[in-house]
Structure formats: structure tokens, C-alpha cells
Protein backbone atom coordinates (compact mmCIF):
# COMPACT_ATOMS: atom_id res chain seq x y z
CA MET A 1 5.86 -33.16 -5.48
CA THR A 2 3.74 -33.79 -2.36
CA ASN A 3 5.09 -34.69 1.06
CA ALA A 4 4.09 -38.34 0.65
CA SER A 5 5.72 -38.66 -2.76
CA ALA A 6 8.83 -36.78 -1.57
CA ALA A 7 9.17 -39.12 1.39
CA ALA A 8 8.58 -42.15 -0.84
CA SER A 9 11.21 -41.02 -3.34
CA GLY A 10 13.82 -40.81 -0.60
CA GLU A 11 14.29 -37.04 -0.69
CA PRO A 12 15.88 -36.07 2.60
CA ARG A 13 13.77 -34.12 5.06
CA ALA A 14 16.36 -31.34 5.17
CA ARG A 15 16.05 -30.76 1.44
CA ARG A 16 12.24 -30.58 1.64
CA VAL A 17 12.48 -28.06 4.49
CA LEU A 18 14.96 -25.97 2.51
CA ARG A 19 12.66 -25.96 -0.49
CA TYR A 20 9.77 -24.68 1.65
CA ALA A 21 12.08 -22.12 3.28
CA TYR A 22 13.10 -20.75 -0.12
CA ALA A 23 9.42 -20.59 -1.12
CA CYS A 24 8.55 -18.67 2.09
CA ARG A 25 11.36 -16.17 1.55
CA THR A 26 10.40 -15.61 -2.08
CA LEU A 27 6.73 -15.18 -1.18
CA GLY A 28 7.69 -12.77 1.60
CA VAL A 29 9.77 -10.62 -0.74
CA LEU A 30 7.00 -10.60 -3.36
CA THR A 31 4.44 -9.63 -0.69
CA PHE A 32 6.67 -6.77 0.41
CA LEU A 33 7.01 -5.57 -3.19
CA LEU A 34 3.23 -5.80 -3.63
CA TRP A 35 2.96 -3.39 -0.69
CA LEU A 36 5.86 -1.16 -1.74
CA VAL A 37 4.69 -0.41 -5.30
CA PRO A 38 1.50 1.45 -4.29
CA VAL A 39 3.30 3.19 -1.40
CA ALA A 40 5.93 4.56 -3.78
CA ALA A 41 3.32 5.38 -6.44
CA SER A 42 1.25 7.35 -3.94
CA GLN A 43 4.21 9.60 -3.18
CA THR A 44 4.67 10.60 -6.80
CA ALA A 45 2.32 12.96 -8.61
CA VAL A 46 0.89 14.56 -5.46
CA THR A 47 -0.95 17.85 -5.98
CA HIS A 48 -1.39 20.22 -3.05
CA VAL A 49 -4.86 21.74 -2.97
CA ASP A 50 -5.76 24.98 -1.19
CA ARG A 51 -8.36 27.72 -1.50
CA GLY A 52 -7.07 28.64 -4.97
CA GLY A 53 -8.00 25.21 -6.32
CA ALA A 54 -6.32 22.66 -8.55
CA PRO A 55 -7.53 20.61 -11.51
CA ALA A 56 -8.79 17.11 -10.74
CA PRO A 57 -6.92 14.19 -12.36
CA ASN A 58 -8.23 13.51 -15.85
CA SER A 59 -9.07 9.84 -15.55
CA GLY A 60 -10.51 7.51 -12.96
CA SER A 61 -10.74 7.91 -9.22
CA PHE A 62 -8.47 9.99 -7.03
CA TYR A 63 -7.76 10.44 -3.33
CA LEU A 64 -7.97 13.57 -1.20
CA SER A 65 -6.00 13.47 2.06
CA ASN A 66 -5.66 15.77 5.04
CA TYR A 67 -2.34 15.92 6.90
CA SER A 68 -3.17 18.82 9.19
CA SER A 69 -4.67 18.84 12.68
CA THR A 70 -7.86 20.59 11.56
CA THR A 71 -10.81 19.39 9.50
CA LEU A 72 -10.78 20.53 5.88
CA THR A 73 -13.77 21.05 3.60
CA CYS A 74 -13.11 20.41 -0.08
CA TYR A 75 -15.32 21.38 -3.00
CA VAL A 76 -15.24 19.44 -6.27
CA THR A 77 -16.70 21.60 -9.03
CA PRO A 78 -16.88 20.01 -12.49
CA ASP A 79 -17.37 22.06 -15.67
CA SER A 80 -20.51 20.03 -16.33
CA GLY A 81 -22.45 18.29 -13.59
CA GLU A 82 -23.26 18.83 -9.96
CA SER A 83 -20.73 20.09 -7.41
CA ARG A 84 -19.99 18.07 -4.27
CA THR A 85 -18.58 18.94 -0.87
CA LEU A 86 -16.24 16.56 0.97
CA THR A 87 -15.12 16.74 4.59
CA LEU A 88 -11.55 15.58 5.29
CA LYS A 89 -10.94 14.73 8.93
CA PRO A 90 -7.43 14.80 10.42
CA ILE A 91 -5.48 11.54 10.37
CA ARG A 92 -4.81 10.21 13.85
CA SER A 93 -4.04 6.54 13.32
CA ILE A 94 -0.51 5.21 13.79
CA TRP A 95 -1.50 1.97 12.08
CA ARG A 96 -1.83 3.57 8.66
CA PHE A 97 1.00 4.74 6.50
CA ASP A 98 1.45 8.33 5.46
CA GLY A 99 0.54 9.01 1.85
CA LEU A 100 -2.49 6.88 1.04
CA LEU A 101 -5.14 7.86 3.53
CA GLY A 102 -8.01 10.06 2.74
CA VAL A 103 -11.25 10.05 0.87
CA LYS A 104 -11.51 8.17 -2.39
CA VAL A 105 -13.38 10.27 -4.93
CA ASP A 106 -15.02 8.30 -7.73
CA ARG A 107 -15.70 10.46 -10.77
CA TRP A 108 -19.40 11.22 -11.19
CA PHE A 109 -18.71 13.73 -13.93
CA ASN A 110 -17.19 13.78 -17.41
CA GLY A 111 -14.56 16.29 -18.37
CA PRO A 112 -12.45 18.61 -16.24
CA ALA A 113 -13.16 19.67 -12.68
CA GLU A 114 -11.68 22.01 -10.10
CA VAL A 115 -10.92 20.96 -6.51
CA ALA A 116 -10.58 23.63 -3.79
CA CYS A 117 -10.20 23.18 -0.01
CA ASP A 118 -10.87 25.45 3.00
CA PRO A 119 -9.35 26.66 5.34
CA SER A 120 -6.35 27.56 3.25
CA PRO A 121 -3.15 27.36 5.35
CA PRO A 122 -3.31 23.57 5.75
CA GLN A 123 -3.35 22.05 2.31
CA ALA A 124 -5.05 18.86 1.23
CA ARG A 125 -3.16 16.41 -0.94
CA MET A 126 -4.68 14.99 -4.11
CA LYS A 127 -3.34 11.78 -5.65
CA GLY A 128 -4.44 10.09 -8.84
CA GLY A 129 -3.16 7.98 -11.67
CA PRO A 130 -3.23 4.46 -13.06
CA LEU A 131 -2.16 2.79 -9.78
CA VAL A 132 -5.05 4.18 -7.69
CA PRO A 133 -6.78 0.74 -7.61
CA LEU A 134 -3.68 -0.63 -5.79
CA PHE A 135 -3.65 2.06 -3.08
CA PRO A 136 -5.90 0.12 -0.65
CA LEU A 137 -3.21 -2.61 -0.49
CA ALA A 138 -0.85 -0.19 1.21
CA GLU A 139 -3.28 1.48 3.59
CA GLY A 140 -2.79 -0.90 6.47
CA ILE A 141 0.10 -2.55 8.20
CA GLU A 142 -1.02 -6.11 7.44
CA LEU A 143 0.99 -6.67 4.23
CA PRO A 144 4.38 -5.58 5.63
CA ILE A 145 3.83 -7.73 8.73
CA ALA A 146 2.88 -10.72 6.57
CA ALA A 147 6.00 -10.17 4.46
CA PHE A 148 8.19 -10.00 7.57
CA VAL A 149 6.68 -13.21 9.00
CA LEU A 150 7.14 -15.10 5.71
CA VAL A 151 10.78 -14.00 5.40
CA ALA A 152 11.45 -14.82 9.07
CA VAL A 153 9.96 -18.30 8.65
CA GLY A 154 11.98 -18.73 5.46
CA TRP A 155 15.24 -17.86 7.23
CA GLY A 156 14.39 -20.21 10.08
CA ASP A 157 16.05 -23.08 8.21
CA TYR A 158 19.45 -21.63 9.15
CA PHE A 159 18.76 -22.43 12.79
CA LEU A 160 17.89 -26.06 12.23
CA PRO A 161 20.41 -28.73 13.31
CA TRP A 162 21.39 -30.02 9.84
CA ARG A 163 22.53 -26.54 8.81
CA ARG A 164 25.23 -26.40 11.49
CA ARG A 165 28.66 -27.68 10.76
CA PRO A 166 29.93 -30.31 13.12
CA ALA A 167 32.53 -29.21 15.63
CA PRO A 168 36.12 -30.05 14.59
CA HIS A 169 37.64 -33.06 16.40
């Protein structure tokens, strides 16, 4: 029902505003969940990689992240195919959430591979799995802010005059 047809049908303005408020709140909660799923998924199945090496995830892309204050050099060595060297710089941005940052590694090889990082005391973190395509949704702060704004606008209907009870006489 459009605004013109709602006004023509005699639906009160307060009811239309409440309907839009409910829609904003629902959209805000769904936006927050869209952000929360990859954040939670990125914190599961994390492999710590050091000089000893660790096997790369079996399917699809994966992320390598550096949570130390020094630059790490990681070597991806597949059983068949060329080896590659990746440089992981330290994370210094407060606008990105812990757990999803790093270098996305798209598989250029078939079969198993070994990932090793130097220097050894700080470890890199390797994350992979079926939700890797969703990880970019959670990298920034935009989605949680959008969710907060939508929910705040949705709850704004409680401050409108027709929501207040009249004072007792």
C-alpha cells in the first residue's frame, strides 16, 4: 500500500508511521545479523601458522592475518605448482574488526599445500571455510553503524506524540 492509497483509505498517520518503524527495526536487526554471521564464522576454525607450517584449507580461498607488531613473511608451498611468498603487514586500523583482516589467498594450485610464516614467535592466523565469501561484509564498521541507525529510527516512534498517554485529569 503506497502513501497515497493509505491516505485515501483513511488509515491513520500514526499507524503508517508505526508500520514503517517496525520495518526499520526489522531491517536493522537483519543487517546486524548479516554482519554478525561472518564475524562469528571467522573466529571459528582458525589455524595458527608459524615456522613449522600448517596445511592450507582444502577448498576455496582463505585468509592469512597478522596480529603482531612486526611484518611477517609467509610461504605457500603446494605439492604441485609454484610456491608464492606473501608479506603480512601489522594491523593498525581501529576501524576494522579483529578476526577478518589480512590477505585473501585465492587458490592457484590443486591439491594440498603447506603454509609457513617467518619470524616464528608471532604467529599468523589462517582462516578458511564455506563462509569466506561473506568475510568482506564484516571487515568494516559500516554494517553495524547502519544497523544501529535503522534500529534507532525504528524506535523513534515511541517518542512521537500519539504514543504518549494523556495525563490523568
